Amino acid sequence: MSDKKHEVLGGYIEKIMALSTAHMPNTNPEFGDVRVLSYEYGYMVFVTDCSGEGLDESFPNWFRPIMELADRQDCTLIMFDEACNVDPDLQTWDW
């Protein structure tokens, strides 16, 4: 891809971490102090910058590794969807 094309598309394309809802501890989990949108098959969560002081105490323990991974990968959103894959490196729940 040419640098010019990358510059043009860079303002329109965002990275999303897509995870199974099995990575959530229940069907209506607490996400902490972040913007969350629910939809029929899961949730969309806006990624928070974890650099500097890190995540505050409002972030539940189950969600911290997911948010930190999404931030390290420069994702803008985390999508929890029942049709997405399970990441073997992240905790799952059977509910």
N, C-alpha and C. Protein backbone atom coordinates (compact mmCIF):
# COMPACT_ATOMS: atom_id res chain seq x y z
N MET A 1 0.85 -1.17 0.00
CA MET A 1 0.00 0.00 0.00
C MET A 1 0.90 1.23 0.00
N SER A 2 0.59 2.16 -0.82
CA SER A 2 1.39 3.38 -0.88
C SER A 2 1.16 4.22 0.37
N ASP A 3 2.15 5.04 0.71
CA ASP A 3 2.04 5.90 1.89
C ASP A 3 0.87 6.86 1.77
N LYS A 4 0.65 7.39 0.56
CA LYS A 4 -0.44 8.35 0.37
C LYS A 4 -1.79 7.68 0.61
N LYS A 5 -1.99 6.48 0.09
CA LYS A 5 -3.25 5.78 0.30
C LYS A 5 -3.44 5.48 1.78
N HIS A 6 -2.35 5.08 2.46
CA HIS A 6 -2.44 4.78 3.89
C HIS A 6 -2.84 6.03 4.67
N GLU A 7 -2.31 7.19 4.32
CA GLU A 7 -2.66 8.42 5.00
C GLU A 7 -4.14 8.74 4.83
N VAL A 8 -4.68 8.54 3.66
CA VAL A 8 -6.08 8.82 3.39
C VAL A 8 -6.98 7.86 4.17
N LEU A 9 -6.67 6.57 4.11
CA LEU A 9 -7.50 5.58 4.79
C LEU A 9 -7.32 5.61 6.30
N GLY A 10 -6.17 6.07 6.77
CA GLY A 10 -5.89 6.08 8.19
C GLY A 10 -6.91 6.84 9.02
N GLY A 11 -7.54 7.83 8.46
CA GLY A 11 -8.55 8.59 9.19
C GLY A 11 -9.91 7.95 9.20
N TYR A 12 -10.09 6.85 8.47
CA TYR A 12 -11.41 6.24 8.35
C TYR A 12 -11.48 4.81 8.88
N ILE A 13 -10.36 4.20 9.11
CA ILE A 13 -10.34 2.79 9.53
C ILE A 13 -9.86 2.71 10.97
N GLU A 14 -10.62 2.03 11.81
CA GLU A 14 -10.27 1.83 13.21
C GLU A 14 -10.15 0.34 13.49
N LYS A 15 -9.31 -0.03 14.45
CA LYS A 15 -9.14 -1.42 14.85
C LYS A 15 -10.14 -1.78 15.94
N ILE A 16 -10.73 -2.95 15.80
CA ILE A 16 -11.67 -3.46 16.79
C ILE A 16 -11.18 -4.82 17.27
N MET A 17 -11.10 -5.00 18.58
CA MET A 17 -10.81 -6.32 19.13
C MET A 17 -12.15 -7.04 19.22
N ALA A 18 -12.29 -8.14 18.51
CA ALA A 18 -13.54 -8.90 18.48
C ALA A 18 -13.38 -10.16 19.32
N LEU A 19 -14.16 -10.26 20.40
CA LEU A 19 -14.08 -11.38 21.32
C LEU A 19 -15.45 -11.99 21.55
N SER A 20 -15.44 -13.27 21.87
CA SER A 20 -16.66 -13.96 22.24
C SER A 20 -17.22 -13.41 23.54
N THR A 21 -18.52 -13.47 23.69
CA THR A 21 -19.14 -13.08 24.96
C THR A 21 -18.76 -14.06 26.07
N ALA A 22 -18.15 -15.19 25.73
CA ALA A 22 -17.65 -16.12 26.74
C ALA A 22 -16.55 -15.48 27.60
N HIS A 23 -15.97 -14.39 27.13
CA HIS A 23 -14.95 -13.67 27.90
C HIS A 23 -15.57 -12.73 28.93
N MET A 24 -16.90 -12.68 28.99
CA MET A 24 -17.60 -11.88 30.00
C MET A 24 -18.06 -12.82 31.12
N PRO A 25 -18.04 -12.37 32.38
CA PRO A 25 -18.42 -13.26 33.48
C PRO A 25 -19.91 -13.57 33.57
N ASN A 26 -20.75 -12.79 32.90
CA ASN A 26 -22.19 -13.03 32.88
C ASN A 26 -22.80 -12.25 31.72
N THR A 27 -24.10 -12.31 31.58
CA THR A 27 -24.76 -11.68 30.44
C THR A 27 -24.88 -10.16 30.55
N ASN A 28 -24.69 -9.63 31.74
CA ASN A 28 -24.79 -8.18 31.95
C ASN A 28 -23.67 -7.73 32.88
N PRO A 29 -22.42 -7.78 32.41
CA PRO A 29 -21.30 -7.50 33.29
C PRO A 29 -21.08 -6.01 33.55
N GLU A 30 -20.34 -5.73 34.61
CA GLU A 30 -19.91 -4.37 34.92
C GLU A 30 -18.62 -4.11 34.15
N PHE A 31 -18.58 -3.00 33.40
CA PHE A 31 -17.41 -2.64 32.61
C PHE A 31 -16.58 -1.53 33.24
N GLY A 32 -17.04 -0.94 34.31
CA GLY A 32 -16.32 0.18 34.88
C GLY A 32 -16.75 1.48 34.24
N ASP A 33 -15.91 2.48 34.35
CA ASP A 33 -16.24 3.83 33.90
C ASP A 33 -15.80 4.06 32.45
N VAL A 34 -16.44 3.33 31.52
CA VAL A 34 -16.17 3.49 30.09
C VAL A 34 -17.50 3.55 29.35
N ARG A 35 -17.44 4.04 28.12
CA ARG A 35 -18.66 4.07 27.28
C ARG A 35 -18.91 2.67 26.74
N VAL A 36 -20.13 2.20 26.91
CA VAL A 36 -20.53 0.86 26.48
C VAL A 36 -21.86 0.96 25.75
N LEU A 37 -21.94 0.28 24.63
CA LEU A 37 -23.19 0.18 23.88
C LEU A 37 -23.58 -1.29 23.83
N SER A 38 -24.82 -1.58 24.21
CA SER A 38 -25.29 -2.96 24.12
C SER A 38 -26.09 -3.12 22.83
N TYR A 39 -26.06 -4.32 22.30
CA TYR A 39 -26.87 -4.65 21.13
C TYR A 39 -27.34 -6.09 21.29
N GLU A 40 -28.12 -6.57 20.36
CA GLU A 40 -28.78 -7.86 20.49
C GLU A 40 -27.84 -9.02 20.83
N TYR A 41 -26.63 -9.02 20.30
CA TYR A 41 -25.73 -10.16 20.45
C TYR A 41 -24.53 -9.90 21.36
N GLY A 42 -24.47 -8.72 22.00
CA GLY A 42 -23.33 -8.44 22.86
C GLY A 42 -23.16 -6.97 23.19
N TYR A 43 -21.90 -6.54 23.23
CA TYR A 43 -21.56 -5.18 23.64
C TYR A 43 -20.43 -4.62 22.79
N MET A 44 -20.43 -3.29 22.63
CA MET A 44 -19.31 -2.55 22.06
C MET A 44 -18.79 -1.66 23.17
N VAL A 45 -17.48 -1.74 23.44
CA VAL A 45 -16.87 -0.98 24.52
C VAL A 45 -15.76 -0.10 23.94
N PHE A 46 -15.77 1.18 24.28
CA PHE A 46 -14.73 2.08 23.82
C PHE A 46 -13.47 1.87 24.65
N VAL A 47 -12.34 1.78 23.98
CA VAL A 47 -11.06 1.53 24.64
C VAL A 47 -10.56 2.81 25.31
N THR A 48 -10.05 2.65 26.52
CA THR A 48 -9.48 3.73 27.31
C THR A 48 -7.96 3.63 27.28
N ASP A 49 -7.30 4.75 27.26
CA ASP A 49 -5.84 4.80 27.30
C ASP A 49 -5.35 4.25 28.64
N CYS A 50 -4.55 3.20 28.60
CA CYS A 50 -4.05 2.57 29.82
C CYS A 50 -2.64 3.01 30.18
N SER A 51 -2.04 3.88 29.37
CA SER A 51 -0.69 4.32 29.66
C SER A 51 -0.71 5.34 30.80
N GLY A 52 0.43 5.69 31.26
CA GLY A 52 0.51 6.66 32.35
C GLY A 52 0.18 6.01 33.67
N GLU A 53 -0.88 6.47 34.31
CA GLU A 53 -1.25 5.95 35.62
C GLU A 53 -1.98 4.62 35.54
N GLY A 54 -2.32 4.16 34.37
CA GLY A 54 -3.02 2.89 34.23
C GLY A 54 -4.51 3.01 34.51
N LEU A 55 -5.14 1.88 34.67
CA LEU A 55 -6.58 1.83 34.91
C LEU A 55 -6.88 2.10 36.38
N ASP A 56 -7.95 2.86 36.63
CA ASP A 56 -8.29 3.14 38.02
C ASP A 56 -9.13 2.00 38.61
N GLU A 57 -9.51 2.16 39.86
CA GLU A 57 -10.21 1.11 40.58
C GLU A 57 -11.62 0.83 40.05
N SER A 58 -12.14 1.67 39.15
CA SER A 58 -13.48 1.43 38.61
C SER A 58 -13.50 0.26 37.62
N PHE A 59 -12.34 -0.16 37.14
CA PHE A 59 -12.30 -1.27 36.19
C PHE A 59 -12.32 -2.61 36.93
N PRO A 60 -13.32 -3.45 36.64
CA PRO A 60 -13.38 -4.74 37.31
C PRO A 60 -12.20 -5.63 36.88
N ASN A 61 -11.81 -6.52 37.77
CA ASN A 61 -10.65 -7.38 37.52
C ASN A 61 -10.79 -8.23 36.26
N TRP A 62 -11.99 -8.71 35.96
CA TRP A 62 -12.17 -9.57 34.78
C TRP A 62 -11.87 -8.81 33.50
N PHE A 63 -12.11 -7.48 33.51
CA PHE A 63 -12.02 -6.66 32.31
C PHE A 63 -10.64 -6.04 32.08
N ARG A 64 -9.85 -5.92 33.12
CA ARG A 64 -8.54 -5.26 33.02
C ARG A 64 -7.63 -5.86 31.94
N PRO A 65 -7.41 -7.18 31.91
CA PRO A 65 -6.50 -7.72 30.89
C PRO A 65 -6.99 -7.49 29.47
N ILE A 66 -8.29 -7.49 29.29
CA ILE A 66 -8.87 -7.27 27.96
C ILE A 66 -8.66 -5.83 27.52
N MET A 67 -8.96 -4.88 28.42
CA MET A 67 -8.77 -3.47 28.10
C MET A 67 -7.30 -3.16 27.85
N GLU A 68 -6.41 -3.69 28.67
CA GLU A 68 -4.98 -3.44 28.50
C GLU A 68 -4.47 -4.01 27.18
N LEU A 69 -4.94 -5.20 26.80
CA LEU A 69 -4.54 -5.80 25.53
C LEU A 69 -5.05 -4.97 24.36
N ALA A 70 -6.29 -4.54 24.42
CA ALA A 70 -6.87 -3.72 23.35
C ALA A 70 -6.10 -2.41 23.20
N ASP A 71 -5.73 -1.81 24.32
CA ASP A 71 -4.96 -0.56 24.28
C ASP A 71 -3.58 -0.78 23.68
N ARG A 72 -2.89 -1.86 24.08
CA ARG A 72 -1.56 -2.16 23.52
C ARG A 72 -1.62 -2.40 22.02
N GLN A 73 -2.74 -2.94 21.54
CA GLN A 73 -2.90 -3.24 20.11
C GLN A 73 -3.48 -2.05 19.34
N ASP A 74 -3.59 -0.90 19.98
CA ASP A 74 -4.11 0.33 19.36
C ASP A 74 -5.53 0.17 18.83
N CYS A 75 -6.35 -0.58 19.55
CA CYS A 75 -7.76 -0.73 19.17
C CYS A 75 -8.56 0.47 19.68
N THR A 76 -9.62 0.77 18.98
CA THR A 76 -10.54 1.83 19.38
C THR A 76 -11.73 1.26 20.13
N LEU A 77 -12.14 0.06 19.73
CA LEU A 77 -13.31 -0.59 20.32
C LEU A 77 -13.01 -2.05 20.65
N ILE A 78 -13.75 -2.55 21.64
CA ILE A 78 -13.78 -3.99 21.94
C ILE A 78 -15.21 -4.43 21.66
N MET A 79 -15.35 -5.44 20.82
CA MET A 79 -16.67 -5.99 20.52
C MET A 79 -16.79 -7.36 21.18
N PHE A 80 -17.75 -7.48 22.09
CA PHE A 80 -18.09 -8.77 22.66
C PHE A 80 -19.32 -9.26 21.91
N ASP A 81 -19.19 -10.35 21.18
CA ASP A 81 -20.29 -10.86 20.36
C ASP A 81 -20.34 -12.37 20.50
N GLU A 82 -21.52 -12.92 20.58
CA GLU A 82 -21.66 -14.37 20.75
C GLU A 82 -21.10 -15.16 19.57
N ALA A 83 -20.96 -14.54 18.41
CA ALA A 83 -20.46 -15.24 17.23
C ALA A 83 -18.94 -15.12 17.05
N CYS A 84 -18.28 -14.33 17.89
CA CYS A 84 -16.83 -14.13 17.74
C CYS A 84 -16.06 -15.28 18.40
N ASN A 85 -14.79 -15.35 18.07
CA ASN A 85 -13.92 -16.41 18.57
C ASN A 85 -13.50 -16.18 20.01
N VAL A 86 -13.14 -17.29 20.66
CA VAL A 86 -12.58 -17.27 22.00
C VAL A 86 -11.07 -17.15 21.87
N ASP A 87 -10.47 -16.25 22.65
CA ASP A 87 -9.02 -16.11 22.70
C ASP A 87 -8.51 -17.02 23.81
N PRO A 88 -7.69 -18.01 23.47
CA PRO A 88 -7.24 -18.96 24.50
C PRO A 88 -6.36 -18.34 25.58
N ASP A 89 -5.86 -17.14 25.35
CA ASP A 89 -5.01 -16.48 26.34
C ASP A 89 -5.79 -15.62 27.33
N LEU A 90 -7.10 -15.51 27.14
CA LEU A 90 -7.93 -14.71 28.03
C LEU A 90 -8.92 -15.61 28.76
N GLN A 91 -9.28 -15.20 29.97
CA GLN A 91 -10.20 -15.98 30.80
C GLN A 91 -11.59 -16.06 30.15
N THR A 92 -12.25 -17.20 30.33
CA THR A 92 -13.62 -17.38 29.86
C THR A 92 -14.49 -17.87 31.02
N TRP A 93 -15.79 -17.72 30.85
CA TRP A 93 -16.77 -18.18 31.84
C TRP A 93 -17.81 -19.02 31.10
N ASP A 94 -18.39 -19.97 31.80
CA ASP A 94 -19.45 -20.81 31.26
C ASP A 94 -20.74 -20.46 31.98
N TRP A 95 -21.59 -19.64 31.34
CA TRP A 95 -22.83 -19.21 31.97
C TRP A 95 -24.00 -19.54 31.12
